[in-house]
Amino acid sequence: MPQWIPPAEHLKTMPQALHGCAVFLTDQRNRILLLHEAPNEQRDAFGADPRWLFPGGRLDHDENPLRAAARETLEETGLDLTGILRPLGTDFRDPTEHRPAMTDYHFDGGWLTAAQAEAILLSDEHDSHAFRRLTEWQPILPPTRYALLSSLTQARAESRQLVLHNGHPM
């Protein structure tokens, strides 16, 4: 018969995972918005290059993915998307040597007006942003990130939600 384990000890035996959120946005010309990470001592210590990413980030304690996506987008771009985000896809990413497994919740933030696109105000986390067509992102992004971008673009075009593993549909 299994021995009783106190809840705190049992929790230590369970898989650890992080949760993140991201928002898929385009301008009126259907170009996809990505933000470029600014230099960062912690990331640079691992030898990682700055990346092009969706607005988004990790969930805070007691925060749901939808609320986190709206908060992160506001913090990173100055855009208030509260109330207009809709689920687009969930991506389970395998653990790496630098982080545990991660589940990212992707939301469709719709099409930005020209005024919204011009009003983007980046946080200190990012040093630039760009709107590009899907094919224009391909030479810039690593293959897994491009696969994710491509999968989410197709899901949006087909008005459906995806479950992904490392950026690829399951």
Protein backbone atom coordinates (compact mmCIF):
# COMPACT_ATOMS: atom_id res chain seq x y z
CA MET A 1 0.00 0.00 0.00
CA PRO A 2 1.38 3.46 -0.92
CA GLN A 3 2.56 5.60 1.96
CA TRP A 4 0.83 8.93 2.62
CA ILE A 5 2.97 11.91 1.55
CA PRO A 6 2.33 15.43 2.87
CA PRO A 7 0.93 17.70 0.11
CA ALA A 8 4.05 19.93 0.02
CA GLU A 9 6.27 16.87 -0.48
CA HIS A 10 3.93 15.37 -3.08
CA LEU A 11 3.97 18.66 -5.03
CA LYS A 12 7.77 18.41 -5.34
CA THR A 13 7.35 15.10 -7.21
CA MET A 14 5.07 16.61 -9.85
CA PRO A 15 6.33 17.97 -13.18
CA GLN A 16 7.20 21.65 -13.13
CA ALA A 17 6.04 23.91 -15.95
CA LEU A 18 5.79 27.57 -16.83
CA HIS A 19 2.83 29.31 -18.45
CA GLY A 20 3.08 32.14 -20.91
CA CYS A 21 0.82 34.14 -23.17
CA ALA A 22 1.21 35.92 -26.48
CA VAL A 23 -0.92 38.09 -28.75
CA PHE A 24 -1.06 37.78 -32.54
CA LEU A 25 -1.61 41.23 -34.08
CA THR A 26 -1.55 42.51 -37.63
CA ASP A 27 -1.85 45.89 -39.25
CA GLN A 28 -4.45 46.80 -41.89
CA ARG A 29 -2.13 45.43 -44.61
CA ASN A 30 -2.18 42.02 -42.85
CA ARG A 31 1.45 42.28 -41.76
CA ILE A 32 2.30 40.53 -38.49
CA LEU A 33 3.66 42.48 -35.53
CA LEU A 34 6.68 41.15 -33.65
CA LEU A 35 8.78 42.87 -31.01
CA HIS A 36 12.58 42.61 -30.81
CA GLU A 37 14.11 41.92 -27.40
CA ALA A 38 16.51 44.53 -26.05
CA PRO A 39 19.88 43.38 -24.67
CA ASN A 40 19.38 41.66 -21.31
CA GLU A 41 22.11 40.61 -18.85
CA GLN A 42 20.30 37.49 -17.67
CA ARG A 43 19.59 36.19 -21.19
CA ASP A 44 23.00 37.29 -22.44
CA ALA A 45 24.66 35.26 -19.64
CA PHE A 46 23.27 32.12 -21.31
CA GLY A 47 24.66 33.22 -24.68
CA ALA A 48 21.17 33.63 -26.16
CA ASP A 49 20.65 36.14 -28.95
CA PRO A 50 17.78 38.65 -28.78
CA ARG A 51 14.65 37.28 -30.43
CA TRP A 52 11.64 38.57 -32.35
CA LEU A 53 8.55 37.73 -30.30
CA PHE A 54 4.84 38.38 -30.06
CA PRO A 55 3.74 40.81 -27.38
CA GLY A 56 3.36 38.63 -24.30
CA GLY A 57 5.18 37.00 -21.42
CA ARG A 58 4.81 34.76 -18.42
CA LEU A 59 1.73 34.64 -16.26
CA ASP A 60 1.93 36.17 -12.79
CA HIS A 61 0.74 34.16 -9.77
CA ASP A 62 -3.06 33.85 -9.68
CA GLU A 63 -3.39 35.33 -13.19
CA ASN A 64 -5.25 33.64 -16.02
CA PRO A 65 -3.83 33.56 -19.57
CA LEU A 66 -6.36 36.03 -21.03
CA ARG A 67 -5.71 38.64 -18.35
CA ALA A 68 -1.95 38.13 -18.65
CA ALA A 69 -2.08 38.57 -22.45
CA ALA A 70 -3.92 41.88 -22.15
CA ARG A 71 -1.59 43.06 -19.35
CA GLU A 72 1.60 42.07 -21.18
CA THR A 73 0.45 43.70 -24.42
CA LEU A 74 -0.37 46.93 -22.60
CA GLU A 75 2.99 46.89 -20.79
CA GLU A 76 5.03 46.08 -23.91
CA THR A 77 3.23 48.15 -26.56
CA GLY A 78 0.90 50.60 -24.82
CA LEU A 79 -2.07 48.96 -26.59
CA ASP A 80 -5.11 48.21 -24.43
CA LEU A 81 -6.73 45.09 -25.90
CA THR A 82 -8.89 44.20 -22.90
CA GLY A 83 -12.11 42.62 -24.06
CA ILE A 84 -11.15 41.91 -27.68
CA LEU A 85 -8.74 38.96 -27.40
CA ARG A 86 -9.91 35.55 -28.54
CA PRO A 87 -8.12 32.18 -28.17
CA LEU A 88 -6.05 31.18 -31.20
CA GLY A 89 -3.75 28.37 -30.10
CA THR A 90 -1.98 26.63 -27.25
CA ASP A 91 1.64 25.57 -27.70
CA PHE A 92 3.34 23.05 -25.41
CA ARG A 93 7.10 23.53 -25.54
CA ASP A 94 9.49 20.85 -24.32
CA PRO A 95 11.85 21.67 -21.45
CA THR A 96 15.34 22.94 -22.23
CA GLU A 97 18.49 23.08 -20.17
CA HIS A 98 17.52 26.63 -19.12
CA ARG A 99 13.79 26.23 -18.32
CA PRO A 100 11.13 23.62 -17.56
CA ALA A 101 8.37 22.73 -19.99
CA MET A 102 6.24 25.70 -20.99
CA THR A 103 2.70 26.14 -22.23
CA ASP A 104 2.01 29.31 -24.21
CA TYR A 105 -1.54 30.53 -24.72
CA HIS A 106 -1.83 32.51 -27.96
CA PHE A 107 -4.63 35.00 -28.52
CA ASP A 108 -5.80 36.82 -31.62
CA GLY A 109 -5.77 40.56 -30.98
CA GLY A 110 -7.16 41.44 -34.38
CA TRP A 111 -6.09 44.09 -36.87
CA LEU A 112 -4.62 47.34 -35.62
CA THR A 113 -5.71 50.61 -37.15
CA ALA A 114 -3.00 52.81 -38.66
CA ALA A 115 -3.29 55.08 -35.62
CA GLN A 116 -2.82 52.15 -33.21
CA ALA A 117 0.16 50.83 -35.18
CA GLU A 118 1.82 54.24 -35.11
CA ALA A 119 1.07 54.72 -31.40
CA ILE A 120 2.99 51.62 -30.27
CA LEU A 121 5.17 52.58 -27.32
CA LEU A 122 7.71 49.88 -26.46
CA SER A 123 8.75 49.01 -22.93
CA ASP A 124 12.40 48.72 -21.93
CA GLU A 125 12.21 44.98 -22.69
CA HIS A 126 12.21 45.68 -26.43
CA ASP A 127 14.34 47.87 -28.66
CA SER A 128 12.26 47.75 -31.85
CA HIS A 129 9.16 46.36 -33.49
CA ALA A 130 8.21 45.52 -37.05
CA PHE A 131 5.21 44.61 -39.16
CA ARG A 132 6.08 42.07 -41.88
CA ARG A 133 4.24 39.59 -44.05
CA LEU A 134 4.58 35.94 -43.04
CA THR A 135 7.06 35.17 -45.83
CA GLU A 136 9.16 38.20 -44.88
CA TRP A 137 9.60 36.80 -41.36
CA GLN A 138 10.93 33.44 -42.60
CA PRO A 139 14.60 34.47 -43.18
CA ILE A 140 14.65 36.32 -39.85
CA LEU A 141 13.14 33.72 -37.50
CA PRO A 142 14.51 30.35 -36.42
CA PRO A 143 12.56 27.42 -37.95
CA THR A 144 10.52 26.58 -34.84
CA ARG A 145 9.43 30.19 -34.32
CA TYR A 146 8.54 30.51 -38.02
CA ALA A 147 6.54 27.26 -37.80
CA LEU A 148 4.58 28.73 -34.89
CA LEU A 149 3.97 31.98 -36.76
CA SER A 150 2.85 30.07 -39.85
CA SER A 151 0.54 27.77 -37.86
CA LEU A 152 -1.11 30.69 -36.06
CA THR A 153 -1.50 32.65 -39.32
CA GLN A 154 -3.33 29.69 -40.85
CA ALA A 155 -5.48 29.16 -37.75
CA ARG A 156 -6.55 32.80 -37.83
CA ALA A 157 -7.37 32.63 -41.57
CA GLU A 158 -9.51 29.53 -40.94
CA SER A 159 -11.13 30.92 -37.75
CA ARG A 160 -10.04 27.94 -35.69
CA GLN A 161 -7.97 27.16 -32.63
CA LEU A 162 -4.88 24.97 -32.61
CA VAL A 163 -3.09 22.76 -30.14
CA LEU A 164 0.62 22.81 -30.93
CA HIS A 165 3.79 21.07 -29.82
CA ASN A 166 6.91 23.18 -30.26
CA GLY A 167 5.09 25.35 -32.80
CA HIS A 168 3.74 22.49 -34.94
CA PRO A 169 0.11 21.29 -34.98
CA MET A 170 -0.47 18.06 -33.09
